[in-house]
Amino acid sequence: MMANAYGGDLYVVNAYRDSLYYPDRGQLANESDLDGSKVHVEQGFTSEVIAVVSREINADLGMIGTLNQIGKESTLRDDAAERVISFLDVDTLVANSKVRLEGWP
């Protein structure tokens, strides 16, 4: 893991806008094998929430994941990643994940 390799701490930040889609903080902590104090789940726009938490924990590096999608979903994801990057005051690493969408080759 990158944080361990550099002697850093890993934090997970998840933002949600609608309480119907509230992420399960405990599940995030379990899946990431982190103490609950390092998992932040906040309501708001992704870019703003990540930027605020980044400042609160005095982050040296931000890392965000994107889905390598095609079509209109791709545009929406790219815009979200760009907004996060523009809000962060630290260097940002973007990791793409390839997914296959139903109906696409």
PDB file of N, CA and C in Angstrom:
ATOM      1  N   MET A   1       0.836  -1.170   0.000  1.00  0.00           N
ATOM      2  CA  MET A   1       0.000   0.000   0.000  1.00  0.00           C
ATOM      3  C   MET A   1       0.883   1.236   0.000  1.00  0.00           C
ATOM      4  N   MET A   2       0.489   2.229  -0.746  1.00  0.00           N
ATOM      5  CA  MET A   2       1.284   3.432  -0.934  1.00  0.00           C
ATOM      6  C   MET A   2       1.575   4.152   0.384  1.00  0.00           C
ATOM      7  N   ALA A   3       0.580   4.298   1.238  1.00  0.00           N
ATOM      8  CA  ALA A   3       0.775   5.002   2.507  1.00  0.00           C
ATOM      9  C   ALA A   3       1.837   4.315   3.354  1.00  0.00           C
ATOM     10  N   ASN A   4       1.790   2.998   3.427  1.00  0.00           N
ATOM     11  CA  ASN A   4       2.781   2.249   4.208  1.00  0.00           C
ATOM     12  C   ASN A   4       4.187   2.399   3.624  1.00  0.00           C
ATOM     13  N   ALA A   5       4.283   2.380   2.303  1.00  0.00           N
ATOM     14  CA  ALA A   5       5.582   2.463   1.647  1.00  0.00           C
ATOM     15  C   ALA A   5       6.297   3.773   1.967  1.00  0.00           C
ATOM     16  N   TYR A   6       5.536   4.832   2.208  1.00  0.00           N
ATOM     17  CA  TYR A   6       6.126   6.145   2.483  1.00  0.00           C
ATOM     18  C   TYR A   6       5.978   6.560   3.941  1.00  0.00           C
ATOM     19  N   GLY A   7       5.547   5.635   4.801  1.00  0.00           N
ATOM     20  CA  GLY A   7       5.416   5.952   6.220  1.00  0.00           C
ATOM     21  C   GLY A   7       4.284   6.921   6.514  1.00  0.00           C
ATOM     22  N   GLY A   8       3.267   6.913   5.679  1.00  0.00           N
ATOM     23  CA  GLY A   8       2.138   7.823   5.854  1.00  0.00           C
ATOM     24  C   GLY A   8       0.917   7.117   6.414  1.00  0.00           C
ATOM     25  N   ASP A   9      -0.146   7.870   6.541  1.00  0.00           N
ATOM     26  CA  ASP A   9      -1.426   7.347   7.005  1.00  0.00           C
ATOM     27  C   ASP A   9      -2.432   7.405   5.874  1.00  0.00           C
ATOM     28  N   LEU A  10      -3.250   6.381   5.786  1.00  0.00           N
ATOM     29  CA  LEU A  10      -4.308   6.322   4.782  1.00  0.00           C
ATOM     30  C   LEU A  10      -5.628   6.719   5.415  1.00  0.00           C
ATOM     31  N   TYR A  11      -6.329   7.614   4.759  1.00  0.00           N
ATOM     32  CA  TYR A  11      -7.671   8.009   5.157  1.00  0.00           C
ATOM     33  C   TYR A  11      -8.599   7.758   3.979  1.00  0.00           C
ATOM     34  N   VAL A  12      -9.830   7.385   4.262  1.00  0.00           N
ATOM     35  CA  VAL A  12     -10.842   7.205   3.230  1.00  0.00           C
ATOM     36  C   VAL A  12     -11.898   8.288   3.428  1.00  0.00           C
ATOM     37  N   VAL A  13     -12.217   8.990   2.345  1.00  0.00           N
ATOM     38  CA  VAL A  13     -13.230  10.046   2.397  1.00  0.00           C
ATOM     39  C   VAL A  13     -14.305   9.707   1.383  1.00  0.00           C
ATOM     40  N   ASN A  14     -15.555   9.721   1.821  1.00  0.00           N
ATOM     41  CA  ASN A  14     -16.679   9.434   0.941  1.00  0.00           C
ATOM     42  C   ASN A  14     -17.718  10.515   1.140  1.00  0.00           C
ATOM     43  N   ALA A  15     -18.181  11.076   0.046  1.00  0.00           N
ATOM     44  CA  ALA A  15     -19.198  12.119   0.100  1.00  0.00           C
ATOM     45  C   ALA A  15     -20.487  11.608  -0.516  1.00  0.00           C
ATOM     46  N   TYR A  16     -21.593  12.067   0.020  1.00  0.00           N
ATOM     47  CA  TYR A  16     -22.894  11.709  -0.541  1.00  0.00           C
ATOM     48  C   TYR A  16     -23.756  12.966  -0.529  1.00  0.00           C
ATOM     49  N   ARG A  17     -24.680  13.039  -1.472  1.00  0.00           N
ATOM     50  CA  ARG A  17     -25.541  14.215  -1.548  1.00  0.00           C
ATOM     51  C   ARG A  17     -26.947  13.920  -1.062  1.00  0.00           C
ATOM     52  N   ASP A  18     -27.373  12.683  -1.169  1.00  0.00           N
ATOM     53  CA  ASP A  18     -28.740  12.326  -0.836  1.00  0.00           C
ATOM     54  C   ASP A  18     -28.722  11.283   0.270  1.00  0.00           C
ATOM     55  N   SER A  19     -29.480  11.509   1.333  1.00  0.00           N
ATOM     56  CA  SER A  19     -29.458  10.584   2.464  1.00  0.00           C
ATOM     57  C   SER A  19     -29.975   9.190   2.094  1.00  0.00           C
ATOM     58  N   LEU A  20     -30.628   9.065   0.946  1.00  0.00           N
ATOM     59  CA  LEU A  20     -31.046   7.743   0.494  1.00  0.00           C
ATOM     60  C   LEU A  20     -29.841   6.883   0.105  1.00  0.00           C
ATOM     61  N   TYR A  21     -28.743   7.542  -0.216  1.00  0.00           N
ATOM     62  CA  TYR A  21     -27.538   6.833  -0.644  1.00  0.00           C
ATOM     63  C   TYR A  21     -26.414   6.993   0.367  1.00  0.00           C
ATOM     64  N   TYR A  22     -26.765   7.089   1.640  1.00  0.00           N
ATOM     65  CA  TYR A  22     -25.769   7.244   2.695  1.00  0.00           C
ATOM     66  C   TYR A  22     -24.854   6.027   2.726  1.00  0.00           C
ATOM     67  N   PRO A  23     -23.538   6.240   2.563  1.00  0.00           N
ATOM     68  CA  PRO A  23     -22.609   5.104   2.575  1.00  0.00           C
ATOM     69  C   PRO A  23     -22.461   4.529   3.982  1.00  0.00           C
ATOM     70  N   ASP A  24     -22.227   3.258   4.080  1.00  0.00           N
ATOM     71  CA  ASP A  24     -22.050   2.579   5.348  1.00  0.00           C
ATOM     72  C   ASP A  24     -20.609   2.767   5.810  1.00  0.00           C
ATOM     73  N   ARG A  25     -20.402   3.640   6.779  1.00  0.00           N
ATOM     74  CA  ARG A  25     -19.066   3.974   7.267  1.00  0.00           C
ATOM     75  C   ARG A  25     -18.363   2.731   7.830  1.00  0.00           C
ATOM     76  N   GLY A  26     -19.100   1.912   8.556  1.00  0.00           N
ATOM     77  CA  GLY A  26     -18.520   0.694   9.115  1.00  0.00           C
ATOM     78  C   GLY A  26     -18.042  -0.252   8.039  1.00  0.00           C
ATOM     79  N   GLN A  27     -18.821  -0.383   6.985  1.00  0.00           N
ATOM     80  CA  GLN A  27     -18.423  -1.257   5.879  1.00  0.00           C
ATOM     81  C   GLN A  27     -17.165  -0.716   5.204  1.00  0.00           C
ATOM     82  N   LEU A  28     -17.109   0.606   5.014  1.00  0.00           N
ATOM     83  CA  LEU A  28     -15.909   1.207   4.420  1.00  0.00           C
ATOM     84  C   LEU A  28     -14.679   0.941   5.289  1.00  0.00           C
ATOM     85  N   ALA A  29     -14.849   1.063   6.614  1.00  0.00           N
ATOM     86  CA  ALA A  29     -13.740   0.805   7.532  1.00  0.00           C
ATOM     87  C   ALA A  29     -13.303  -0.654   7.444  1.00  0.00           C
ATOM     88  N   ASN A  30     -14.264  -1.565   7.408  1.00  0.00           N
ATOM     89  CA  ASN A  30     -13.932  -2.988   7.314  1.00  0.00           C
ATOM     90  C   ASN A  30     -13.241  -3.332   5.999  1.00  0.00           C
ATOM     91  N   GLU A  31     -13.785  -2.813   4.887  1.00  0.00           N
ATOM     92  CA  GLU A  31     -13.224  -3.133   3.575  1.00  0.00           C
ATOM     93  C   GLU A  31     -11.838  -2.531   3.378  1.00  0.00           C
ATOM     94  N   SER A  32     -11.594  -1.386   4.011  1.00  0.00           N
ATOM     95  CA  SER A  32     -10.290  -0.743   3.864  1.00  0.00           C
ATOM     96  C   SER A  32      -9.328  -1.141   4.972  1.00  0.00           C
ATOM     97  N   ASP A  33      -9.822  -1.934   5.944  1.00  0.00           N
ATOM     98  CA  ASP A  33      -9.020  -2.382   7.080  1.00  0.00           C
ATOM     99  C   ASP A  33      -8.425  -1.201   7.844  1.00  0.00           C
ATOM    100  N   LEU A  34      -9.247  -0.147   8.010  1.00  0.00           N
ATOM    101  CA  LEU A  34      -8.818   1.050   8.726  1.00  0.00           C
ATOM    102  C   LEU A  34      -9.618   1.231  10.004  1.00  0.00           C
ATOM    103  N   ASP A  35      -9.014   1.917  10.946  1.00  0.00           N
ATOM    104  CA  ASP A  35      -9.720   2.342  12.143  1.00  0.00           C
ATOM    105  C   ASP A  35     -10.807   3.339  11.721  1.00  0.00           C
ATOM    106  N   GLY A  36     -11.939   3.300  12.383  1.00  0.00           N
ATOM    107  CA  GLY A  36     -13.057   4.178  12.034  1.00  0.00           C
ATOM    108  C   GLY A  36     -12.710   5.651  12.037  1.00  0.00           C
ATOM    109  N   SER A  37     -11.710   6.055  12.824  1.00  0.00           N
ATOM    110  CA  SER A  37     -11.326   7.471  12.882  1.00  0.00           C
ATOM    111  C   SER A  37     -10.663   7.943  11.589  1.00  0.00           C
ATOM    112  N   LYS A  38     -10.274   6.994  10.739  1.00  0.00           N
ATOM    113  CA  LYS A  38      -9.641   7.356   9.471  1.00  0.00           C
ATOM    114  C   LYS A  38     -10.589   7.224   8.287  1.00  0.00           C
ATOM    115  N   VAL A  39     -11.861   7.004   8.582  1.00  0.00           N
ATOM    116  CA  VAL A  39     -12.886   6.916   7.536  1.00  0.00           C
ATOM    117  C   VAL A  39     -13.855   8.071   7.751  1.00  0.00           C
ATOM    118  N   HIS A  40     -13.942   8.935   6.745  1.00  0.00           N
ATOM    119  CA  HIS A  40     -14.791  10.117   6.837  1.00  0.00           C
ATOM    120  C   HIS A  40     -15.931  10.005   5.828  1.00  0.00           C
ATOM    121  N   VAL A  41     -17.155  10.098   6.315  1.00  0.00           N
ATOM    122  CA  VAL A  41     -18.343  10.084   5.463  1.00  0.00           C
ATOM    123  C   VAL A  41     -19.104  11.367   5.762  1.00  0.00           C
ATOM    124  N   GLU A  42     -19.203  12.229   4.765  1.00  0.00           N
ATOM    125  CA  GLU A  42     -19.808  13.547   4.957  1.00  0.00           C
ATOM    126  C   GLU A  42     -20.817  13.814   3.847  1.00  0.00           C
ATOM    127  N   GLN A  43     -21.839  14.572   4.193  1.00  0.00           N
ATOM    128  CA  GLN A  43     -22.824  14.963   3.186  1.00  0.00           C
ATOM    129  C   GLN A  43     -22.339  16.230   2.495  1.00  0.00           C
ATOM    130  N   GLY A  44     -22.434  16.236   1.178  1.00  0.00           N
ATOM    131  CA  GLY A  44     -22.039  17.406   0.399  1.00  0.00           C
ATOM    132  C   GLY A  44     -21.500  16.994  -0.952  1.00  0.00           C
ATOM    133  N   PHE A  45     -21.019  17.976  -1.679  1.00  0.00           N
ATOM    134  CA  PHE A  45     -20.424  17.711  -2.987  1.00  0.00           C
ATOM    135  C   PHE A  45     -19.055  17.059  -2.792  1.00  0.00           C
ATOM    136  N   THR A  46     -18.762  16.071  -3.602  1.00  0.00           N
ATOM    137  CA  THR A  46     -17.527  15.307  -3.468  1.00  0.00           C
ATOM    138  C   THR A  46     -16.309  16.213  -3.398  1.00  0.00           C
ATOM    139  N   SER A  47     -16.196  17.148  -4.322  1.00  0.00           N
ATOM    140  CA  SER A  47     -15.018  18.007  -4.377  1.00  0.00           C
ATOM    141  C   SER A  47     -14.854  18.817  -3.097  1.00  0.00           C
ATOM    142  N   GLU A  48     -15.944  19.345  -2.578  1.00  0.00           N
ATOM    143  CA  GLU A  48     -15.870  20.165  -1.369  1.00  0.00           C
ATOM    144  C   GLU A  48     -15.558  19.325  -0.136  1.00  0.00           C
ATOM    145  N   VAL A  49     -16.207  18.176  -0.011  1.00  0.00           N
ATOM    146  CA  VAL A  49     -15.986  17.309   1.156  1.00  0.00           C
ATOM    147  C   VAL A  49     -14.536  16.832   1.189  1.00  0.00           C
ATOM    148  N   ILE A  50     -14.020  16.366   0.069  1.00  0.00           N
ATOM    149  CA  ILE A  50     -12.647  15.875   0.034  1.00  0.00           C
ATOM    150  C   ILE A  50     -11.669  17.000   0.358  1.00  0.00           C
ATOM    151  N   ALA A  51     -11.905  18.191  -0.166  1.00  0.00           N
ATOM    152  CA  ALA A  51     -11.016  19.319   0.107  1.00  0.00           C
ATOM    153  C   ALA A  51     -11.027  19.697   1.587  1.00  0.00           C
ATOM    154  N   VAL A  52     -12.195  19.726   2.208  1.00  0.00           N
ATOM    155  CA  VAL A  52     -12.293  20.087   3.627  1.00  0.00           C
ATOM    156  C   VAL A  52     -11.585  19.056   4.497  1.00  0.00           C
ATOM    157  N   VAL A  53     -11.871  17.780   4.263  1.00  0.00           N
ATOM    158  CA  VAL A  53     -11.238  16.725   5.063  1.00  0.00           C
ATOM    159  C   VAL A  53      -9.729  16.722   4.828  1.00  0.00           C
ATOM    160  N   SER A  54      -9.308  16.950   3.595  1.00  0.00           N
ATOM    161  CA  SER A  54      -7.886  17.002   3.272  1.00  0.00           C
ATOM    162  C   SER A  54      -7.182  18.064   4.109  1.00  0.00           C
ATOM    163  N   ARG A  55      -7.810  19.221   4.237  1.00  0.00           N
ATOM    164  CA  ARG A  55      -7.222  20.287   5.062  1.00  0.00           C
ATOM    165  C   ARG A  55      -7.242  19.906   6.541  1.00  0.00           C
ATOM    166  N   GLU A  56      -8.337  19.312   7.003  1.00  0.00           N
ATOM    167  CA  GLU A  56      -8.464  18.939   8.419  1.00  0.00           C
ATOM    168  C   GLU A  56      -7.388  17.940   8.849  1.00  0.00           C
ATOM    169  N   ILE A  57      -7.051  17.000   7.976  1.00  0.00           N
ATOM    170  CA  ILE A  57      -6.063  15.974   8.336  1.00  0.00           C
ATOM    171  C   ILE A  57      -4.657  16.357   7.884  1.00  0.00           C
ATOM    172  N   ASN A  58      -4.543  17.536   7.274  1.00  0.00           N
ATOM    173  CA  ASN A  58      -3.248  18.031   6.809  1.00  0.00           C
ATOM    174  C   ASN A  58      -2.605  17.060   5.817  1.00  0.00           C
ATOM    175  N   ALA A  59      -3.367  16.671   4.827  1.00  0.00           N
ATOM    176  CA  ALA A  59      -2.909  15.691   3.832  1.00  0.00           C
ATOM    177  C   ALA A  59      -1.766  16.244   2.988  1.00  0.00           C
ATOM    178  N   ASP A  60      -0.842  15.363   2.636  1.00  0.00           N
ATOM    179  CA  ASP A  60       0.258  15.712   1.739  1.00  0.00           C
ATOM    180  C   ASP A  60      -0.052  15.325   0.300  1.00  0.00           C
ATOM    181  N   LEU A  61      -0.936  14.346   0.139  1.00  0.00           N
ATOM    182  CA  LEU A  61      -1.275  13.824  -1.182  1.00  0.00           C
ATOM    183  C   LEU A  61      -2.729  13.391  -1.184  1.00  0.00           C
ATOM    184  N   GLY A  62      -3.434  13.738  -2.238  1.00  0.00           N
ATOM    185  CA  GLY A  62      -4.795  13.252  -2.437  1.00  0.00           C
ATOM    186  C   GLY A  62      -4.778  12.176  -3.500  1.00  0.00           C
ATOM    187  N   MET A  63      -5.584  11.166  -3.314  1.00  0.00           N
ATOM    188  CA  MET A  63      -5.685  10.107  -4.321  1.00  0.00           C
ATOM    189  C   MET A  63      -7.150   9.831  -4.555  1.00  0.00           C
ATOM    190  N   ILE A  64      -7.559   9.898  -5.814  1.00  0.00           N
ATOM    191  CA  ILE A  64      -8.955   9.642  -6.145  1.00  0.00           C
ATOM    192  C   ILE A  64      -9.022   8.550  -7.203  1.00  0.00           C
ATOM    193  N   GLY A  65     -10.092   7.813  -7.172  1.00  0.00           N
ATOM    194  CA  GLY A  65     -10.311   6.778  -8.165  1.00  0.00           C
ATOM    195  C   GLY A  65     -11.404   7.211  -9.119  1.00  0.00           C
ATOM    196  N   THR A  66     -11.262   6.834 -10.363  1.00  0.00           N
ATOM    197  CA  THR A  66     -12.293   7.103 -11.361  1.00  0.00           C
ATOM    198  C   THR A  66     -12.614   5.796 -12.072  1.00  0.00           C
ATOM    199  N   LEU A  67     -13.751   5.781 -12.696  1.00  0.00           N
ATOM    200  CA  LEU A  67     -14.135   4.636 -13.517  1.00  0.00           C
ATOM    201  C   LEU A  67     -13.893   4.998 -14.964  1.00  0.00           C
ATOM    202  N   ASN A  68     -13.154   4.185 -15.667  1.00  0.00           N
ATOM    203  CA  ASN A  68     -12.855   4.425 -17.076  1.00  0.00           C
ATOM    204  C   ASN A  68     -14.079   4.006 -17.886  1.00  0.00           C
ATOM    205  N   GLN A  69     -14.991   4.958 -18.066  1.00  0.00           N
ATOM    206  CA  GLN A  69     -16.247   4.655 -18.744  1.00  0.00           C
ATOM    207  C   GLN A  69     -16.318   5.356 -20.088  1.00  0.00           C
ATOM    208  N   ILE A  70     -17.303   4.968 -20.867  1.00  0.00           N
ATOM    209  CA  ILE A  70     -17.505   5.567 -22.177  1.00  0.00           C
ATOM    210  C   ILE A  70     -18.869   6.255 -22.205  1.00  0.00           C
ATOM    211  N   GLY A  71     -19.002   7.181 -23.135  1.00  0.00           N
ATOM    212  CA  GLY A  71     -20.294   7.841 -23.295  1.00  0.00           C
ATOM    213  C   GLY A  71     -20.523   8.928 -22.268  1.00  0.00           C
ATOM    214  N   LYS A  72     -21.790   9.187 -21.984  1.00  0.00           N
ATOM    215  CA  LYS A  72     -22.147  10.290 -21.099  1.00  0.00           C
ATOM    216  C   LYS A  72     -21.651  10.065 -19.676  1.00  0.00           C
ATOM    217  N   GLU A  73     -21.585   8.807 -19.212  1.00  0.00           N
ATOM    218  CA  GLU A  73     -21.054   8.535 -17.882  1.00  0.00           C
ATOM    219  C   GLU A  73     -19.602   8.984 -17.776  1.00  0.00           C
ATOM    220  N   SER A  74     -18.853   8.823 -18.862  1.00  0.00           N
ATOM    221  CA  SER A  74     -17.455   9.218 -18.875  1.00  0.00           C
ATOM    222  C   SER A  74     -17.326  10.716 -18.647  1.00  0.00           C
ATOM    223  N   THR A  75     -18.148  11.496 -19.310  1.00  0.00           N
ATOM    224  CA  THR A  75     -18.106  12.948 -19.158  1.00  0.00           C
ATOM    225  C   THR A  75     -18.417  13.355 -17.732  1.00  0.00           C
ATOM    226  N   LEU A  76     -19.412  12.737 -17.136  1.00  0.00           N
ATOM    227  CA  LEU A  76     -19.780  13.067 -15.761  1.00  0.00           C
ATOM    228  C   LEU A  76     -18.656  12.713 -14.798  1.00  0.00           C
ATOM    229  N   ARG A  77     -18.029  11.558 -14.968  1.00  0.00           N
ATOM    230  CA  ARG A  77     -16.934  11.142 -14.090  1.00  0.00           C
ATOM    231  C   ARG A  77     -15.733  12.061 -14.259  1.00  0.00           C
ATOM    232  N   ASP A  78     -15.397  12.397 -15.518  1.00  0.00           N
ATOM    233  CA  ASP A  78     -14.253  13.266 -15.755  1.00  0.00           C
ATOM    234  C   ASP A  78     -14.466  14.619 -15.095  1.00  0.00           C
ATOM    235  N   ASP A  79     -15.667  15.161 -15.194  1.00  0.00           N
ATOM    236  CA  ASP A  79     -15.973  16.438 -14.574  1.00  0.00           C
ATOM    237  C   ASP A  79     -15.827  16.358 -13.058  1.00  0.00           C
ATOM    238  N   ALA A  80     -16.280  15.258 -12.454  1.00  0.00           N
ATOM    239  CA  ALA A  80     -16.174  15.094 -11.005  1.00  0.00           C
ATOM    240  C   ALA A  80     -14.706  15.039 -10.593  1.00  0.00           C
ATOM    241  N   ALA A  81     -13.902  14.294 -11.303  1.00  0.00           N
ATOM    242  CA  ALA A  81     -12.475  14.199 -10.984  1.00  0.00           C
ATOM    243  C   ALA A  81     -11.803  15.559 -11.134  1.00  0.00           C
ATOM    244  N   GLU A  82     -12.131  16.293 -12.179  1.00  0.00           N
ATOM    245  CA  GLU A  82     -11.545  17.614 -12.388  1.00  0.00           C
ATOM    246  C   GLU A  82     -11.931  18.574 -11.267  1.00  0.00           C
ATOM    247  N   ARG A  83     -13.172  18.495 -10.813  1.00  0.00           N
ATOM    248  CA  ARG A  83     -13.604  19.364  -9.708  1.00  0.00           C
ATOM    249  C   ARG A  83     -12.841  19.039  -8.430  1.00  0.00           C
ATOM    250  N   VAL A  84     -12.673  17.755  -8.145  1.00  0.00           N
ATOM    251  CA  VAL A  84     -11.928  17.364  -6.945  1.00  0.00           C
ATOM    252  C   VAL A  84     -10.508  17.895  -7.030  1.00  0.00           C
ATOM    253  N   ILE A  85      -9.854  17.695  -8.152  1.00  0.00           N
ATOM    254  CA  ILE A  85      -8.474  18.147  -8.323  1.00  0.00           C
ATOM    255  C   ILE A  85      -8.378  19.661  -8.154  1.00  0.00           C
ATOM    256  N   SER A  86      -9.335  20.390  -8.703  1.00  0.00           N
ATOM    257  CA  SER A  86      -9.272  21.856  -8.613  1.00  0.00           C
ATOM    258  C   SER A  86      -9.518  22.361  -7.191  1.00  0.00           C
ATOM    259  N   PHE A  87     -10.229  21.596  -6.358  1.00  0.00           N
ATOM    260  CA  PHE A  87     -10.500  22.010  -4.987  1.00  0.00           C
ATOM    261  C   PHE A  87      -9.361  21.665  -4.034  1.00  0.00           C
ATOM    262  N   LEU A  88      -8.555  20.654  -4.371  1.00  0.00           N
ATOM    263  CA  LEU A  88      -7.490  20.220  -3.468  1.00  0.00           C
ATOM    264  C   LEU A  88      -6.288  21.161  -3.537  1.00  0.00           C
ATOM    265  N   ASP A  89      -5.673  21.369  -2.387  1.00  0.00           N
ATOM    266  CA  ASP A  89      -4.488  22.214  -2.295  1.00  0.00           C
ATOM    267  C   ASP A  89      -3.200  21.387  -2.293  1.00  0.00           C
ATOM    268  N   VAL A  90      -3.317  20.089  -2.550  1.00  0.00           N
ATOM    269  CA  VAL A  90      -2.156  19.193  -2.526  1.00  0.00           C
ATOM    270  C   VAL A  90      -2.068  18.454  -3.857  1.00  0.00           C
ATOM    271  N   ASP A  91      -0.914  17.842  -4.094  1.00  0.00           N
ATOM    272  CA  ASP A  91      -0.767  17.008  -5.285  1.00  0.00           C
ATOM    273  C   ASP A  91      -1.808  15.902  -5.245  1.00  0.00           C
ATOM    274  N   THR A  92      -2.272  15.516  -6.421  1.00  0.00           N
ATOM    275  CA  THR A  92      -3.337  14.518  -6.496  1.00  0.00           C
ATOM    276  C   THR A  92      -2.967  13.427  -7.485  1.00  0.00           C
ATOM    277  N   LEU A  93      -3.141  12.191  -7.053  1.00  0.00           N
ATOM    278  CA  LEU A  93      -2.921  11.024  -7.890  1.00  0.00           C
ATOM    279  C   LEU A  93      -4.284  10.480  -8.290  1.00  0.00           C
ATOM    280  N   VAL A  94      -4.492  10.292  -9.587  1.00  0.00           N
ATOM    281  CA  VAL A  94      -5.759   9.776 -10.085  1.00  0.00           C
ATOM    282  C   VAL A  94      -5.540   8.365 -10.603  1.00  0.00           C
ATOM    283  N   ALA A  95      -6.305   7.417 -10.068  1.00  0.00           N
ATOM    284  CA  ALA A  95      -6.211   6.017 -10.487  1.00  0.00           C
ATOM    285  C   ALA A  95      -7.472   5.654 -11.258  1.00  0.00           C
ATOM    286  N   ASN A  96      -7.295   5.203 -12.480  1.00  0.00           N
ATOM    287  CA  ASN A  96      -8.432   4.799 -13.307  1.00  0.00           C
ATOM    288  C   ASN A  96      -8.703   3.313 -13.148  1.00  0.00           C
ATOM    289  N   SER A  97      -9.968   2.968 -13.156  1.00  0.00           N
ATOM    290  CA  SER A  97     -10.380   1.576 -13.088  1.00  0.00           C
ATOM    291  C   SER A  97     -11.228   1.283 -14.311  1.00  0.00           C
ATOM    292  N   LYS A  98     -10.867   0.282 -15.058  1.00  0.00           N
ATOM    293  CA  LYS A  98     -11.645  -0.068 -16.248  1.00  0.00           C
ATOM    294  C   LYS A  98     -12.843  -0.913 -15.853  1.00  0.00           C
ATOM    295  N   VAL A  99     -14.014  -0.497 -16.332  1.00  0.00           N
ATOM    296  CA  VAL A  99     -15.229  -1.266 -16.112  1.00  0.00           C
ATOM    297  C   VAL A  99     -15.933  -1.438 -17.439  1.00  0.00           C
ATOM    298  N   ARG A 100     -16.672  -2.512 -17.552  1.00  0.00           N
ATOM    299  CA  ARG A 100     -17.439  -2.758 -18.767  1.00  0.00           C
ATOM    300  C   ARG A 100     -18.902  -2.462 -18.455  1.00  0.00           C
ATOM    301  N   LEU A 101     -19.471  -1.518 -19.200  1.00  0.00           N
ATOM    302  CA  LEU A 101     -20.873  -1.163 -19.008  1.00  0.00           C
ATOM    303  C   LEU A 101     -21.762  -2.052 -19.850  1.00  0.00           C
ATOM    304  N   GLU A 102     -22.903  -2.376 -19.315  1.00  0.00           N
ATOM    305  CA  GLU A 102     -23.844  -3.221 -20.037  1.00  0.00           C
ATOM    306  C   GLU A 102     -24.234  -2.547 -21.350  1.00  0.00           C
ATOM    307  N   GLY A 103     -24.203  -3.301 -22.405  1.00  0.00           N
ATOM    308  CA  GLY A 103     -24.588  -2.781 -23.714  1.00  0.00           C
ATOM    309  C   GLY A 103     -23.425  -2.210 -24.517  1.00  0.00           C
ATOM    310  N   TRP A 104     -22.245  -2.107 -23.896  1.00  0.00           N
ATOM    311  CA  TRP A 104     -21.066  -1.578 -24.602  1.00  0.00           C
ATOM    312  C   TRP A 104     -20.106  -2.737 -24.875  1.00  0.00           C
ATOM    313  N   PRO A 105     -19.418  -2.662 -25.992  1.00  0.00           N
ATOM    314  CA  PRO A 105     -18.464  -3.754 -26.312  1.00  0.00           C
ATOM    315  C   PRO A 105     -17.285  -3.789 -25.368  1.00  0.00           C
TER     316      PRO A 105
END
